Amino acid sequence: MNRDLKDKSFFIPEKILSHLNETLKKMSHVNGEGMKRLRRLVSEKEMTYQQLKRLLYDFKNSEVDSDKYNLNGGKIMFNWVNDTLDRARKEVKDRKKSKQNASELTPGLGNAFRKGHEKNSDGITNADVSRLSEEINKTLKIMKRYL
């Protein structure tokens, strides 16, 4: 699981909620876990990252025309869940990529894609220190030209 998305909530759009309400009316004859989830989704109007992942798993492991698939919201809900997860993950990746690009321009900043245990006790990686000394040498050369 992406720790940056853990416990993040996503509001279900009105169009999807109306589709889920219609599904609830059509599938009222079915009982069980799928019906409980459908009622909860309609009443809470939001889902956590973990719930989205679980729903996507259920979609991928059920037959397309089965009651379980339809209780989860069918093709419309599947597309929304898939798109929402993709956007959320891409947002986190883009943010980390921006931090990484900034760290390349600003020596001493850590790599956003590295985990904490990959850094030394000072919190600065060896690669960052070597880049820092390279930048200092470049700056000194430029300064010597003007002195």
Protein backbone atom coordinates (compact mmCIF):
# COMPACT_ATOMS: atom_id res chain seq x y z
CA MET A 1 0.00 0.00 0.00
CA ASN A 2 1.17 3.50 -0.71
CA ARG A 3 1.73 5.03 2.73
CA ASP A 4 1.04 8.53 1.41
CA LEU A 5 -2.49 7.44 0.51
CA LYS A 6 -3.22 5.38 3.61
CA ASP A 7 -6.50 6.47 5.23
CA LYS A 8 -7.14 9.11 2.56
CA SER A 9 -10.85 9.53 1.75
CA PHE A 10 -12.39 10.04 -1.67
CA PHE A 11 -15.87 11.47 -2.15
CA ILE A 12 -18.12 9.54 -4.50
CA PRO A 13 -19.47 11.83 -7.27
CA GLU A 14 -23.23 12.44 -7.48
CA LYS A 15 -23.47 10.66 -10.83
CA ILE A 16 -21.97 7.51 -9.31
CA LEU A 17 -24.17 7.81 -6.20
CA SER A 18 -27.31 8.00 -8.31
CA HIS A 19 -26.16 4.91 -10.22
CA LEU A 20 -25.57 3.11 -6.90
CA ASN A 21 -29.05 4.12 -5.70
CA GLU A 22 -30.57 2.66 -8.87
CA THR A 23 -28.54 -0.51 -8.35
CA LEU A 24 -29.76 -0.68 -4.76
CA LYS A 25 -33.38 -0.56 -5.95
CA LYS A 26 -32.85 -3.12 -8.74
CA MET A 27 -30.91 -5.56 -6.56
CA SER A 28 -33.08 -5.32 -3.42
CA HIS A 29 -33.84 -9.05 -3.68
CA VAL A 30 -30.19 -9.94 -2.91
CA ASN A 31 -28.87 -10.27 0.66
CA GLY A 32 -25.36 -10.58 1.98
CA GLU A 33 -22.05 -8.75 2.18
CA GLY A 34 -22.39 -7.03 -1.20
CA MET A 35 -25.70 -5.46 -0.22
CA LYS A 36 -24.25 -4.20 3.07
CA ARG A 37 -21.37 -2.55 1.20
CA LEU A 38 -23.73 -0.98 -1.34
CA ARG A 39 -25.94 0.48 1.41
CA ARG A 40 -22.89 1.79 3.26
CA LEU A 41 -21.49 3.43 0.11
CA VAL A 42 -24.79 5.17 -0.60
CA SER A 43 -25.16 6.41 2.97
CA GLU A 44 -21.52 7.46 3.63
CA LYS A 45 -20.88 8.92 0.15
CA GLU A 46 -17.13 8.45 0.47
CA MET A 47 -14.52 5.69 0.42
CA THR A 48 -11.05 5.29 1.88
CA TYR A 49 -8.04 4.25 -0.17
CA GLN A 50 -8.18 0.79 1.42
CA GLN A 51 -11.86 0.40 0.48
CA LEU A 52 -11.13 1.43 -3.11
CA LYS A 53 -8.35 -1.16 -3.33
CA ARG A 54 -10.60 -3.86 -1.87
CA LEU A 55 -13.41 -2.99 -4.28
CA LEU A 56 -11.04 -3.09 -7.25
CA TYR A 57 -9.85 -6.52 -6.11
CA ASP A 58 -13.45 -7.72 -5.87
CA PHE A 59 -14.21 -6.39 -9.35
CA LYS A 60 -11.24 -8.19 -10.83
CA ASN A 61 -12.16 -11.46 -9.13
CA SER A 62 -15.84 -11.66 -10.06
CA GLU A 63 -17.69 -12.45 -13.27
CA VAL A 64 -18.84 -9.36 -15.19
CA ASP A 65 -22.56 -10.26 -15.19
CA SER A 66 -22.70 -11.74 -11.69
CA ASP A 67 -24.74 -10.33 -8.81
CA LYS A 68 -21.52 -9.57 -6.91
CA TYR A 69 -20.19 -7.46 -9.80
CA ASN A 70 -23.50 -5.61 -10.17
CA LEU A 71 -23.84 -5.04 -6.41
CA ASN A 72 -20.44 -3.36 -6.47
CA GLY A 73 -21.77 -0.88 -9.02
CA GLY A 74 -20.96 -2.61 -12.28
CA LYS A 75 -18.87 -1.15 -15.08
CA ILE A 76 -19.52 2.48 -14.09
CA MET A 77 -18.24 1.97 -10.54
CA PHE A 78 -15.32 -0.16 -11.77
CA ASN A 79 -14.18 2.65 -14.09
CA TRP A 80 -14.51 5.27 -11.36
CA VAL A 81 -12.58 3.18 -8.81
CA ASN A 82 -9.85 2.39 -11.32
CA ASP A 83 -9.52 6.04 -12.44
CA THR A 84 -9.56 7.36 -8.87
CA LEU A 85 -6.80 4.99 -7.76
CA ASP A 86 -4.71 5.78 -10.84
CA ARG A 87 -5.06 9.54 -10.31
CA ALA A 88 -4.23 9.32 -6.59
CA ARG A 89 -1.15 7.18 -7.19
CA LYS A 90 0.00 9.41 -10.07
CA GLU A 91 -0.39 12.49 -7.87
CA VAL A 92 1.88 10.98 -5.21
CA LYS A 93 4.40 9.84 -7.82
CA ASP A 94 4.45 13.29 -9.47
CA ARG A 95 4.95 14.98 -6.10
CA LYS A 96 7.88 12.67 -5.33
CA LYS A 97 9.30 13.22 -8.81
CA SER A 98 9.16 16.99 -8.26
CA LYS A 99 10.96 16.61 -4.94
CA GLN A 100 13.57 14.45 -6.63
CA ASN A 101 14.10 17.05 -9.36
CA ALA A 102 14.40 19.76 -6.71
CA SER A 103 16.95 17.69 -4.79
CA GLU A 104 19.05 17.43 -7.94
CA LEU A 105 19.08 21.20 -8.22
CA THR A 106 19.55 21.81 -4.50
CA PRO A 107 22.40 19.71 -3.08
CA GLY A 108 21.82 18.30 0.37
CA LEU A 109 18.14 17.42 -0.04
CA GLY A 110 17.25 13.74 0.18
CA ASN A 111 15.78 11.66 -2.61
CA ALA A 112 11.99 11.48 -2.21
CA PHE A 113 11.88 7.91 -3.59
CA ARG A 114 14.30 6.56 -0.99
CA LYS A 115 13.04 5.17 2.24
CA GLY A 116 14.42 6.43 5.55
CA HIS A 117 16.49 3.31 6.26
CA GLU A 118 18.59 3.93 3.12
CA LYS A 119 20.05 7.12 4.56
CA ASN A 120 23.00 7.40 6.92
CA SER A 121 22.66 8.68 10.49
CA ASP A 122 22.97 12.34 9.43
CA GLY A 123 19.91 12.02 7.18
CA ILE A 124 21.96 12.89 4.10
CA THR A 125 22.91 10.20 1.62
CA ASN A 126 26.49 9.79 0.47
CA ALA A 127 25.44 10.69 -3.08
CA ASP A 128 24.06 14.00 -1.83
CA VAL A 129 27.31 14.82 -0.04
CA SER A 130 29.36 14.14 -3.15
CA ARG A 131 27.02 16.33 -5.19
CA LEU A 132 27.35 19.04 -2.58
CA SER A 133 31.15 19.02 -2.81
CA GLU A 134 30.93 19.11 -6.62
CA GLU A 135 28.69 22.15 -6.42
CA ILE A 136 31.05 23.86 -3.98
CA ASN A 137 33.99 23.24 -6.33
CA LYS A 138 32.04 24.64 -9.30
CA THR A 139 31.08 27.72 -7.30
CA LEU A 140 34.68 28.26 -6.17
CA LYS A 141 35.92 28.07 -9.77
CA ILE A 142 33.36 30.67 -10.84
CA MET A 143 34.31 32.94 -7.92
CA LYS A 144 38.03 32.68 -8.74
CA ARG A 145 37.33 34.01 -12.24
CA TYR A 146 35.94 37.22 -10.82
CA LEU A 147 38.57 37.75 -8.09
